[in-house]
C-alpha cells in the first residue's frame, strides 16, 4: 500500500517560497529618473556587486502597476520592464526621497487617471455596445462601453467604476449622490 506523505507547515512554506519570489525594491539602491518622458531605473540588486553591470539593472523604461489599485494606491507598486517582467515591488512610495515620490506619483496619476462622473445625460444601447453621454468634473464627455455588465465594477455598495472600449476609467464615487434621472439611466446595469 502506498504511503501518503503529509507535509509540515514549514515544508509547505519552503515550497511556496521557491515558487513565489517577491523582491522588494530597496529605496537606498534604486534611482528612478525621467528620460524623454518615460521613467527609467538604475537598480543595484542586494547581494550583487555594483560593478556587475549585467545584474545591476539599468532599465531605460519601466512601467508602474498598482497591485491593489482601490485599497492601497501608493503601496505595493509593481515595477515592470519593457517585456513585462517584474523587477520588484515598491512597498511604499513614502519610503523614497521627495523628488522620486513626486515622479512616481505623477506617473501613477497619468496611468490611472479616472474621470469622475457627476451626472449621466444618456446611455443608449446598440449591438452590445452602450454609448454614454455624461458630465464629469472636466465638462461634458461621451464614451463607448462594450458589454456594460462586465465593464462596470462595483468597488463597494455605493461606488462603481466604468471602463470604456479604450481602457479609460470613469468613476461614480457615490451612487446615492447621483440625481434621480442619472441613477435611472444606469440602474439596469447595476
N, C-alpha and C. Protein backbone atom coordinates (compact mmCIF):
# COMPACT_ATOMS: atom_id res chain seq x y z
N UNK A 1 0.83 -1.17 0.00
CA UNK A 1 0.00 0.00 0.00
C UNK A 1 0.89 1.25 0.00
N UNK A 2 0.52 2.22 -0.82
CA UNK A 2 1.30 3.45 -0.90
C UNK A 2 1.12 4.28 0.36
N UNK A 3 2.22 4.83 0.80
CA UNK A 3 2.18 5.67 1.99
C UNK A 3 1.88 7.10 1.58
N UNK A 4 0.94 7.72 2.25
CA UNK A 4 0.59 9.11 1.96
C UNK A 4 1.49 10.00 2.81
N UNK A 5 2.21 10.88 2.12
CA UNK A 5 3.13 11.77 2.81
C UNK A 5 2.40 13.07 3.15
N UNK A 6 2.47 13.46 4.38
CA UNK A 6 1.90 14.74 4.80
C UNK A 6 3.05 15.70 5.05
N UNK A 7 2.87 16.90 4.53
CA UNK A 7 3.92 17.90 4.68
C UNK A 7 3.63 18.78 5.90
N UNK A 8 4.70 19.17 6.55
CA UNK A 8 4.56 20.07 7.68
C UNK A 8 4.32 21.49 7.15
N UNK A 9 3.89 22.34 8.02
CA UNK A 9 3.64 23.74 7.67
C UNK A 9 4.92 24.40 7.12
N UNK A 10 6.06 24.11 7.73
CA UNK A 10 7.33 24.68 7.30
C UNK A 10 7.73 24.18 5.91
N UNK A 11 7.45 22.90 5.62
CA UNK A 11 7.77 22.35 4.29
C UNK A 11 6.91 23.00 3.21
N UNK A 12 5.64 23.22 3.52
CA UNK A 12 4.75 23.89 2.57
C UNK A 12 5.23 25.31 2.33
N UNK A 13 5.57 26.01 3.41
CA UNK A 13 6.05 27.39 3.31
C UNK A 13 7.33 27.46 2.48
N UNK A 14 8.26 26.53 2.70
CA UNK A 14 9.51 26.49 1.95
C UNK A 14 9.24 26.23 0.47
N UNK A 15 8.28 25.36 0.18
CA UNK A 15 7.92 25.07 -1.21
C UNK A 15 7.33 26.28 -1.91
N UNK A 16 6.48 27.02 -1.20
CA UNK A 16 5.89 28.22 -1.78
C UNK A 16 6.94 29.30 -2.01
N UNK A 17 7.92 29.37 -1.13
CA UNK A 17 8.98 30.35 -1.27
C UNK A 17 9.74 30.13 -2.57
N UNK A 18 9.90 28.87 -2.97
CA UNK A 18 10.58 28.56 -4.23
C UNK A 18 9.74 28.98 -5.43
N UNK A 19 8.42 28.92 -5.31
CA UNK A 19 7.53 29.25 -6.41
C UNK A 19 7.30 30.76 -6.49
N UNK A 20 7.06 31.38 -5.37
CA UNK A 20 6.74 32.80 -5.32
C UNK A 20 7.91 33.55 -4.70
N UNK A 21 8.62 34.26 -5.53
CA UNK A 21 9.73 35.06 -5.03
C UNK A 21 9.37 36.53 -5.24
N UNK A 22 9.24 37.25 -4.15
CA UNK A 22 8.92 38.66 -4.23
C UNK A 22 10.17 39.44 -3.85
N UNK A 23 10.57 40.30 -4.74
CA UNK A 23 11.71 41.16 -4.45
C UNK A 23 11.19 42.57 -4.25
N UNK A 24 11.42 43.09 -3.05
CA UNK A 24 11.02 44.46 -2.76
C UNK A 24 12.17 45.38 -3.13
N UNK A 25 11.84 46.47 -3.78
CA UNK A 25 12.85 47.42 -4.22
C UNK A 25 13.29 48.28 -3.04
N UNK A 26 14.57 48.22 -2.75
CA UNK A 26 15.17 48.98 -1.66
C UNK A 26 15.37 50.42 -2.12
N UNK A 27 14.74 51.40 -1.47
CA UNK A 27 14.89 52.80 -1.88
C UNK A 27 16.33 53.29 -1.86
N UNK A 28 17.17 52.66 -1.04
CA UNK A 28 18.59 53.05 -0.97
C UNK A 28 19.36 52.60 -2.22
N UNK A 29 18.86 51.60 -2.92
CA UNK A 29 19.57 51.02 -4.06
C UNK A 29 18.92 51.35 -5.40
N UNK A 30 17.80 52.07 -5.38
CA UNK A 30 17.06 52.37 -6.61
C UNK A 30 17.10 53.86 -6.92
N UNK A 31 17.32 54.16 -8.19
CA UNK A 31 17.34 55.56 -8.64
C UNK A 31 16.40 55.66 -9.85
N UNK A 32 15.21 56.23 -9.59
CA UNK A 32 14.24 56.47 -10.66
C UNK A 32 14.50 57.86 -11.23
N UNK A 33 14.49 57.96 -12.55
CA UNK A 33 14.65 59.25 -13.22
C UNK A 33 13.70 59.31 -14.41
N UNK A 34 13.53 60.52 -14.93
CA UNK A 34 12.71 60.69 -16.13
C UNK A 34 13.63 60.93 -17.31
N UNK A 35 13.44 60.14 -18.37
CA UNK A 35 14.21 60.29 -19.60
C UNK A 35 13.25 60.31 -20.77
N UNK A 36 13.25 61.39 -21.53
CA UNK A 36 12.41 61.51 -22.72
C UNK A 36 10.94 61.24 -22.43
N UNK A 37 10.46 61.66 -21.28
CA UNK A 37 9.05 61.49 -20.94
C UNK A 37 8.71 60.14 -20.33
N UNK A 38 9.71 59.28 -20.16
CA UNK A 38 9.48 57.95 -19.58
C UNK A 38 10.28 57.80 -18.29
N UNK A 39 9.85 56.88 -17.45
CA UNK A 39 10.57 56.62 -16.21
C UNK A 39 11.62 55.55 -16.47
N UNK A 40 12.83 55.82 -16.03
CA UNK A 40 13.91 54.83 -16.12
C UNK A 40 14.36 54.49 -14.70
N UNK A 41 15.09 53.39 -14.59
CA UNK A 41 15.52 52.92 -13.28
C UNK A 41 16.92 52.35 -13.35
N UNK A 42 17.73 52.74 -12.40
CA UNK A 42 19.02 52.10 -12.17
C UNK A 42 18.90 51.46 -10.79
N UNK A 43 19.09 50.15 -10.76
CA UNK A 43 18.82 49.40 -9.53
C UNK A 43 19.97 48.46 -9.21
N UNK A 44 20.56 48.65 -8.04
CA UNK A 44 21.63 47.76 -7.56
C UNK A 44 20.98 46.69 -6.70
N UNK A 45 20.85 45.51 -7.25
CA UNK A 45 20.21 44.42 -6.53
C UNK A 45 21.01 44.05 -5.28
N UNK A 46 20.32 43.73 -4.19
CA UNK A 46 21.03 43.33 -2.96
C UNK A 46 21.87 42.08 -3.21
N UNK A 47 23.08 42.08 -2.69
CA UNK A 47 23.96 40.92 -2.83
C UNK A 47 24.67 40.83 -4.16
N UNK A 48 24.51 41.84 -5.02
CA UNK A 48 25.16 41.84 -6.33
C UNK A 48 26.20 42.95 -6.35
N UNK A 49 27.37 42.63 -6.86
CA UNK A 49 28.45 43.60 -6.97
C UNK A 49 28.02 44.72 -7.92
N UNK A 50 28.06 45.99 -7.49
CA UNK A 50 27.66 47.10 -8.36
C UNK A 50 28.44 47.17 -9.67
N UNK A 51 29.63 46.57 -9.71
CA UNK A 51 30.43 46.55 -10.94
C UNK A 51 29.90 45.52 -11.95
N UNK A 52 29.08 44.59 -11.48
CA UNK A 52 28.49 43.55 -12.33
C UNK A 52 27.30 44.17 -13.08
N UNK A 53 27.57 44.83 -14.20
CA UNK A 53 26.54 45.57 -14.92
C UNK A 53 25.42 44.68 -15.45
N UNK A 54 25.70 43.40 -15.67
CA UNK A 54 24.67 42.50 -16.17
C UNK A 54 23.57 42.27 -15.13
N UNK A 55 23.92 42.26 -13.85
CA UNK A 55 22.95 42.01 -12.79
C UNK A 55 22.59 43.26 -11.99
N UNK A 56 23.24 44.39 -12.28
CA UNK A 56 22.95 45.61 -11.54
C UNK A 56 21.55 46.09 -11.89
N UNK A 57 21.22 46.14 -13.13
CA UNK A 57 19.88 46.51 -13.56
C UNK A 57 19.73 47.96 -13.95
N UNK A 58 19.95 48.24 -15.21
CA UNK A 58 19.67 49.55 -15.76
C UNK A 58 18.55 49.37 -16.76
N UNK A 59 17.45 50.07 -16.52
CA UNK A 59 16.27 49.94 -17.35
C UNK A 59 15.93 51.31 -17.92
N UNK A 60 15.97 51.45 -19.25
CA UNK A 60 15.71 52.75 -19.86
C UNK A 60 14.24 53.13 -19.80
N UNK A 61 13.37 52.13 -19.58
CA UNK A 61 11.94 52.42 -19.42
C UNK A 61 11.32 51.36 -18.51
N UNK A 62 10.60 51.83 -17.49
CA UNK A 62 9.89 50.92 -16.60
C UNK A 62 8.42 51.35 -16.52
N UNK A 63 7.60 50.41 -16.13
CA UNK A 63 6.17 50.64 -16.02
C UNK A 63 5.73 50.34 -14.59
N UNK A 64 4.84 51.17 -14.07
CA UNK A 64 4.34 51.00 -12.71
C UNK A 64 2.93 50.43 -12.76
N UNK A 65 2.67 49.49 -11.87
CA UNK A 65 1.36 48.85 -11.82
C UNK A 65 0.94 48.68 -10.36
N UNK A 66 -0.20 49.22 -10.01
CA UNK A 66 -0.70 49.10 -8.64
C UNK A 66 -1.21 47.69 -8.41
N UNK A 67 -0.70 47.02 -7.39
CA UNK A 67 -1.18 45.68 -7.04
C UNK A 67 -2.57 45.74 -6.44
N UNK A 68 -2.85 46.79 -5.67
CA UNK A 68 -4.16 46.98 -5.03
C UNK A 68 -4.64 48.39 -5.35
N UNK A 69 -5.14 48.61 -6.58
CA UNK A 69 -5.42 49.98 -7.03
C UNK A 69 -6.51 50.71 -6.25
N UNK A 70 -7.46 49.99 -5.68
CA UNK A 70 -8.55 50.67 -4.98
C UNK A 70 -8.29 50.82 -3.49
N UNK A 71 -7.50 49.93 -2.91
CA UNK A 71 -7.28 49.96 -1.48
C UNK A 71 -5.99 50.67 -1.07
N UNK A 72 -4.91 50.40 -1.79
CA UNK A 72 -3.60 50.95 -1.42
C UNK A 72 -2.93 51.54 -2.66
N UNK A 73 -3.30 52.77 -2.98
CA UNK A 73 -2.86 53.37 -4.23
C UNK A 73 -1.38 53.77 -4.25
N UNK A 74 -0.75 53.88 -3.07
CA UNK A 74 0.66 54.26 -3.03
C UNK A 74 1.52 53.22 -2.35
N UNK A 75 1.00 52.03 -2.19
CA UNK A 75 1.75 50.92 -1.60
C UNK A 75 1.65 49.73 -2.53
N UNK A 76 2.66 48.88 -2.47
CA UNK A 76 2.72 47.67 -3.28
C UNK A 76 2.54 47.99 -4.77
N UNK A 77 3.53 48.71 -5.28
CA UNK A 77 3.56 49.10 -6.68
C UNK A 77 4.55 48.18 -7.40
N UNK A 78 4.06 47.44 -8.37
CA UNK A 78 4.91 46.55 -9.14
C UNK A 78 5.65 47.36 -10.20
N UNK A 79 6.95 47.12 -10.33
CA UNK A 79 7.77 47.80 -11.34
C UNK A 79 8.14 46.77 -12.40
N UNK A 80 7.74 47.04 -13.64
CA UNK A 80 7.93 46.10 -14.74
C UNK A 80 8.88 46.67 -15.78
N UNK A 81 9.62 45.78 -16.46
CA UNK A 81 10.48 46.21 -17.56
C UNK A 81 9.68 46.20 -18.86
N UNK A 82 10.34 46.48 -19.99
CA UNK A 82 9.66 46.54 -21.29
C UNK A 82 8.98 45.23 -21.68
N UNK A 83 9.53 44.11 -21.23
CA UNK A 83 8.97 42.80 -21.57
C UNK A 83 7.93 42.33 -20.56
N UNK A 84 7.49 43.23 -19.68
CA UNK A 84 6.53 42.91 -18.62
C UNK A 84 7.05 41.95 -17.57
N UNK A 85 8.36 41.88 -17.42
CA UNK A 85 8.96 41.09 -16.34
C UNK A 85 9.04 41.98 -15.11
N UNK A 86 8.67 41.42 -13.98
CA UNK A 86 8.69 42.21 -12.76
C UNK A 86 10.11 42.36 -12.24
N UNK A 87 10.52 43.60 -12.05
CA UNK A 87 11.83 43.92 -11.48
C UNK A 87 11.74 43.81 -9.96
N UNK A 88 10.64 44.30 -9.42
CA UNK A 88 10.43 44.25 -7.98
C UNK A 88 9.19 45.04 -7.61
N UNK A 89 8.95 45.11 -6.32
CA UNK A 89 7.76 45.80 -5.81
C UNK A 89 8.19 46.91 -4.86
N UNK A 90 7.60 48.06 -5.04
CA UNK A 90 7.79 49.19 -4.13
C UNK A 90 6.79 48.99 -2.99
N UNK A 91 7.29 48.82 -1.76
CA UNK A 91 6.37 48.65 -0.62
C UNK A 91 5.54 49.90 -0.37
N UNK A 92 6.21 51.06 -0.41
CA UNK A 92 5.52 52.33 -0.18
C UNK A 92 6.29 53.46 -0.87
N UNK A 93 5.58 54.28 -1.58
CA UNK A 93 6.20 55.43 -2.25
C UNK A 93 6.83 56.36 -1.22
N UNK A 94 6.23 56.45 -0.04
CA UNK A 94 6.74 57.34 1.01
C UNK A 94 8.16 57.02 1.46
N UNK A 95 8.65 55.81 1.18
CA UNK A 95 10.00 55.41 1.59
C UNK A 95 11.08 56.04 0.71
N UNK A 96 10.69 56.64 -0.42
CA UNK A 96 11.65 57.21 -1.35
C UNK A 96 11.84 58.70 -1.10
N UNK A 97 12.95 59.26 -1.60
CA UNK A 97 13.17 60.71 -1.47
C UNK A 97 12.02 61.49 -2.13
N UNK A 98 11.83 62.71 -1.67
CA UNK A 98 10.72 63.56 -2.12
C UNK A 98 10.64 63.69 -3.65
N UNK A 99 11.79 63.90 -4.28
CA UNK A 99 11.82 64.05 -5.74
C UNK A 99 11.33 62.78 -6.45
N UNK A 100 11.73 61.63 -5.93
CA UNK A 100 11.31 60.35 -6.50
C UNK A 100 9.82 60.13 -6.24
N UNK A 101 9.35 60.50 -5.05
CA UNK A 101 7.92 60.38 -4.74
C UNK A 101 7.09 61.15 -5.75
N UNK A 102 7.51 62.37 -6.05
CA UNK A 102 6.80 63.22 -7.00
C UNK A 102 6.75 62.57 -8.37
N UNK A 103 7.88 62.03 -8.82
CA UNK A 103 7.96 61.36 -10.12
C UNK A 103 7.04 60.14 -10.18
N UNK A 104 7.09 59.31 -9.15
CA UNK A 104 6.27 58.09 -9.12
C UNK A 104 4.78 58.43 -9.05
N UNK A 105 4.43 59.39 -8.22
CA UNK A 105 3.02 59.79 -8.11
C UNK A 105 2.50 60.37 -9.43
N UNK A 106 3.33 61.14 -10.07
CA UNK A 106 2.94 61.74 -11.35
C UNK A 106 2.68 60.65 -12.40
N UNK A 107 3.54 59.66 -12.45
CA UNK A 107 3.37 58.56 -13.41
C UNK A 107 2.11 57.75 -13.09
N UNK A 108 1.88 57.46 -11.82
CA UNK A 108 0.67 56.71 -11.44
C UNK A 108 -0.59 57.51 -11.73
N UNK A 109 -0.54 58.81 -11.51
CA UNK A 109 -1.69 59.66 -11.79
C UNK A 109 -1.99 59.66 -13.29
N UNK A 110 -0.94 59.70 -14.10
CA UNK A 110 -1.12 59.66 -15.56
C UNK A 110 -1.72 58.32 -15.98
N UNK A 111 -1.17 57.24 -15.47
CA UNK A 111 -1.62 55.91 -15.88
C UNK A 111 -3.02 55.59 -15.37
N UNK A 112 -3.31 55.99 -14.15
CA UNK A 112 -4.58 55.64 -13.53
C UNK A 112 -5.56 56.81 -13.49
N UNK A 113 -5.46 57.69 -14.46
CA UNK A 113 -6.38 58.84 -14.48
C UNK A 113 -7.82 58.33 -14.53
N UNK A 114 -8.63 58.82 -13.63
CA UNK A 114 -10.03 58.42 -13.58
C UNK A 114 -10.90 59.66 -13.66
N UNK A 115 -11.83 59.65 -14.60
CA UNK A 115 -12.78 60.74 -14.73
C UNK A 115 -13.89 60.52 -13.70
N UNK A 116 -14.32 61.57 -13.04
CA UNK A 116 -15.37 61.47 -12.03
C UNK A 116 -16.69 61.93 -12.64
N UNK A 117 -17.64 61.01 -12.77
CA UNK A 117 -18.94 61.31 -13.36
C UNK A 117 -19.81 62.01 -12.32
N UNK A 118 -20.32 63.18 -12.72
CA UNK A 118 -21.20 63.96 -11.85
C UNK A 118 -22.67 63.68 -12.17
N UNK A 119 -22.99 63.53 -13.46
CA UNK A 119 -24.35 63.21 -13.88
C UNK A 119 -24.31 62.46 -15.21
N UNK A 120 -25.38 61.74 -15.50
CA UNK A 120 -25.46 60.95 -16.73
C UNK A 120 -26.59 61.53 -17.57
N UNK A 121 -26.24 61.98 -18.77
CA UNK A 121 -27.23 62.59 -19.67
C UNK A 121 -28.01 61.51 -20.42
N UNK A 122 -27.26 60.47 -20.91
CA UNK A 122 -27.94 59.38 -21.61
C UNK A 122 -27.03 58.16 -21.70
N UNK A 123 -27.68 57.00 -21.82
CA UNK A 123 -26.99 55.74 -22.09
C UNK A 123 -27.86 55.01 -23.11
N UNK A 124 -27.31 54.83 -24.31
CA UNK A 124 -28.05 54.16 -25.38
C UNK A 124 -27.33 52.88 -25.78
N UNK A 125 -28.08 51.82 -25.90
CA UNK A 125 -27.50 50.50 -26.19
C UNK A 125 -27.78 50.13 -27.65
N UNK A 126 -26.74 49.65 -28.35
CA UNK A 126 -26.87 49.17 -29.74
C UNK A 126 -25.85 48.07 -29.97
N UNK A 127 -26.31 46.92 -30.38
CA UNK A 127 -25.46 45.80 -30.78
C UNK A 127 -24.38 45.44 -29.74
N UNK A 128 -24.75 45.41 -28.49
CA UNK A 128 -23.82 45.01 -27.44
C UNK A 128 -22.92 46.13 -26.93
N UNK A 129 -23.06 47.31 -27.48
CA UNK A 129 -22.29 48.47 -27.03
C UNK A 129 -23.26 49.47 -26.41
N UNK A 130 -22.79 50.18 -25.41
CA UNK A 130 -23.60 51.27 -24.87
C UNK A 130 -22.83 52.57 -25.05
N UNK A 131 -23.57 53.59 -25.44
CA UNK A 131 -22.98 54.89 -25.74
C UNK A 131 -23.43 55.86 -24.64
N UNK A 132 -22.45 56.36 -23.90
CA UNK A 132 -22.71 57.17 -22.71
C UNK A 132 -22.43 58.64 -23.01
N UNK A 133 -23.32 59.49 -22.53
CA UNK A 133 -23.09 60.93 -22.51
C UNK A 133 -23.20 61.34 -21.05
N UNK A 134 -22.11 61.89 -20.53
CA UNK A 134 -22.04 62.22 -19.12
C UNK A 134 -21.47 63.61 -18.91
N UNK A 135 -21.64 64.09 -17.71
CA UNK A 135 -20.95 65.31 -17.29
C UNK A 135 -20.00 64.87 -16.19
N UNK A 136 -18.72 65.19 -16.38
CA UNK A 136 -17.74 64.85 -15.35
C UNK A 136 -17.15 66.13 -14.79
N UNK A 137 -16.15 65.98 -13.96
CA UNK A 137 -15.54 67.13 -13.29
C UNK A 137 -14.91 68.10 -14.29
N UNK A 138 -14.61 67.62 -15.52
CA UNK A 138 -13.95 68.46 -16.51
C UNK A 138 -14.89 68.97 -17.59
N UNK A 139 -16.16 68.56 -17.57
CA UNK A 139 -17.11 69.01 -18.59
C UNK A 139 -17.91 67.85 -19.16
N UNK A 140 -18.50 68.08 -20.34
CA UNK A 140 -19.28 67.03 -20.99
C UNK A 140 -18.35 66.05 -21.69
N UNK A 141 -18.75 64.79 -21.67
CA UNK A 141 -17.90 63.74 -22.23
C UNK A 141 -18.79 62.64 -22.80
N UNK A 142 -18.32 62.02 -23.89
CA UNK A 142 -19.00 60.87 -24.48
C UNK A 142 -18.01 59.72 -24.57
N UNK A 143 -18.50 58.52 -24.29
CA UNK A 143 -17.64 57.35 -24.42
C UNK A 143 -18.49 56.12 -24.71
N UNK A 144 -17.83 55.07 -25.16
CA UNK A 144 -18.50 53.84 -25.56
C UNK A 144 -18.03 52.70 -24.67
N UNK A 145 -18.98 51.87 -24.25
CA UNK A 145 -18.69 50.74 -23.39
C UNK A 145 -19.15 49.46 -24.09
N UNK A 146 -18.28 48.47 -24.13
CA UNK A 146 -18.65 47.16 -24.67
C UNK A 146 -19.11 46.29 -23.49
N UNK A 147 -20.25 45.70 -23.59
CA UNK A 147 -20.80 44.82 -22.57
C UNK A 147 -20.77 45.51 -21.20
N UNK A 148 -21.72 46.38 -21.00
CA UNK A 148 -21.76 47.21 -19.79
C UNK A 148 -21.76 46.38 -18.51
N UNK A 149 -22.37 45.19 -18.55
CA UNK A 149 -22.41 44.37 -17.34
C UNK A 149 -21.02 43.95 -16.88
N UNK A 150 -20.11 43.75 -17.82
CA UNK A 150 -18.74 43.38 -17.47
C UNK A 150 -17.82 44.58 -17.32
N UNK A 151 -18.21 45.71 -17.86
CA UNK A 151 -17.36 46.90 -17.82
C UNK A 151 -17.61 47.77 -16.60
N UNK A 152 -18.65 47.45 -15.86
CA UNK A 152 -18.95 48.19 -14.63
C UNK A 152 -18.48 47.36 -13.45
N UNK A 153 -17.63 47.94 -12.63
CA UNK A 153 -17.09 47.24 -11.46
C UNK A 153 -17.57 47.94 -10.20
N UNK A 154 -18.13 47.17 -9.32
CA UNK A 154 -18.59 47.70 -8.03
C UNK A 154 -17.41 47.66 -7.06
N UNK A 155 -16.99 48.83 -6.60
CA UNK A 155 -15.89 48.93 -5.64
C UNK A 155 -16.42 48.67 -4.23
N UNK A 156 -17.58 49.23 -3.93
CA UNK A 156 -18.30 48.93 -2.69
C UNK A 156 -19.79 49.13 -2.99
N UNK A 157 -20.62 49.12 -1.99
CA UNK A 157 -22.06 49.19 -2.22
C UNK A 157 -22.50 50.50 -2.89
N UNK A 158 -21.70 51.55 -2.76
CA UNK A 158 -22.11 52.86 -3.27
C UNK A 158 -21.19 53.42 -4.36
N UNK A 159 -20.11 52.75 -4.66
CA UNK A 159 -19.10 53.28 -5.59
C UNK A 159 -18.86 52.31 -6.73
N UNK A 160 -18.84 52.83 -7.98
CA UNK A 160 -18.56 51.97 -9.14
C UNK A 160 -17.54 52.64 -10.05
N UNK A 161 -16.90 51.81 -10.88
CA UNK A 161 -16.07 52.32 -11.97
C UNK A 161 -16.59 51.72 -13.26
N UNK A 162 -16.43 52.48 -14.34
CA UNK A 162 -16.84 52.05 -15.68
C UNK A 162 -15.61 52.15 -16.57
N UNK A 163 -15.33 51.10 -17.33
CA UNK A 163 -14.18 51.11 -18.23
C UNK A 163 -14.69 51.12 -19.67
N UNK A 164 -14.23 52.10 -20.46
CA UNK A 164 -14.71 52.19 -21.84
C UNK A 164 -13.86 51.31 -22.78
N UNK A 165 -14.21 51.31 -24.06
CA UNK A 165 -13.53 50.44 -25.02
C UNK A 165 -12.06 50.79 -25.21
N UNK A 166 -11.67 52.00 -24.86
CA UNK A 166 -10.27 52.42 -24.98
C UNK A 166 -9.48 52.22 -23.69
N UNK A 167 -10.12 51.68 -22.65
CA UNK A 167 -9.43 51.44 -21.39
C UNK A 167 -9.48 52.62 -20.43
N UNK A 168 -10.17 53.70 -20.81
CA UNK A 168 -10.32 54.83 -19.90
C UNK A 168 -11.27 54.44 -18.78
N UNK A 169 -10.99 54.97 -17.60
CA UNK A 169 -11.81 54.64 -16.43
C UNK A 169 -12.60 55.86 -15.97
N UNK A 170 -13.86 55.59 -15.64
CA UNK A 170 -14.77 56.61 -15.14
C UNK A 170 -15.28 56.11 -13.80
N UNK A 171 -15.42 57.03 -12.86
CA UNK A 171 -15.86 56.64 -11.52
C UNK A 171 -17.11 57.40 -11.13
N UNK A 172 -18.01 56.68 -10.48
CA UNK A 172 -19.13 57.31 -9.78
C UNK A 172 -18.85 57.05 -8.31
N UNK A 173 -18.32 58.05 -7.61
CA UNK A 173 -17.90 57.84 -6.22
C UNK A 173 -19.04 57.52 -5.27
N UNK A 174 -20.26 57.96 -5.63
CA UNK A 174 -21.41 57.69 -4.77
C UNK A 174 -22.67 57.60 -5.62
N UNK A 175 -23.19 56.38 -5.76
CA UNK A 175 -24.44 56.19 -6.50
C UNK A 175 -25.58 56.93 -5.82
N UNK A 176 -25.57 56.95 -4.51
CA UNK A 176 -26.65 57.62 -3.77
C UNK A 176 -26.62 59.14 -3.95
N UNK A 177 -25.47 59.69 -4.34
CA UNK A 177 -25.36 61.13 -4.55
C UNK A 177 -25.79 61.55 -5.96
N UNK A 178 -25.96 60.56 -6.86
CA UNK A 178 -26.42 60.89 -8.22
C UNK A 178 -27.85 61.41 -8.17
N UNK A 179 -28.16 62.31 -9.10
CA UNK A 179 -29.55 62.75 -9.18
C UNK A 179 -30.41 61.58 -9.68
N UNK A 180 -31.68 61.62 -9.42
CA UNK A 180 -32.60 60.51 -9.71
C UNK A 180 -32.59 60.12 -11.19
N UNK A 181 -32.61 61.10 -12.09
CA UNK A 181 -32.62 60.81 -13.53
C UNK A 181 -31.35 60.07 -13.95
N UNK A 182 -30.21 60.49 -13.43
CA UNK A 182 -28.93 59.83 -13.76
C UNK A 182 -28.94 58.39 -13.28
N UNK A 183 -29.40 58.18 -12.06
CA UNK A 183 -29.42 56.83 -11.49
C UNK A 183 -30.31 55.90 -12.31
N UNK A 184 -31.46 56.39 -12.73
CA UNK A 184 -32.39 55.59 -13.54
C UNK A 184 -31.76 55.12 -14.84
N UNK A 185 -30.87 55.92 -15.40
CA UNK A 185 -30.26 55.59 -16.69
C UNK A 185 -29.27 54.41 -16.57
N UNK A 186 -28.72 54.17 -15.39
CA UNK A 186 -27.76 53.07 -15.23
C UNK A 186 -28.24 51.97 -14.30
N UNK A 187 -29.40 52.16 -13.71
CA UNK A 187 -29.91 51.20 -12.73
C UNK A 187 -29.96 49.79 -13.29
N UNK A 188 -30.31 49.62 -14.53
CA UNK A 188 -30.40 48.31 -15.18
C UNK A 188 -29.06 47.57 -15.14
N UNK A 189 -27.94 48.28 -15.21
CA UNK A 189 -26.62 47.65 -15.27
C UNK A 189 -26.05 47.29 -13.90
N UNK A 190 -26.69 47.76 -12.85
CA UNK A 190 -26.15 47.56 -11.51
C UNK A 190 -26.61 46.29 -10.92
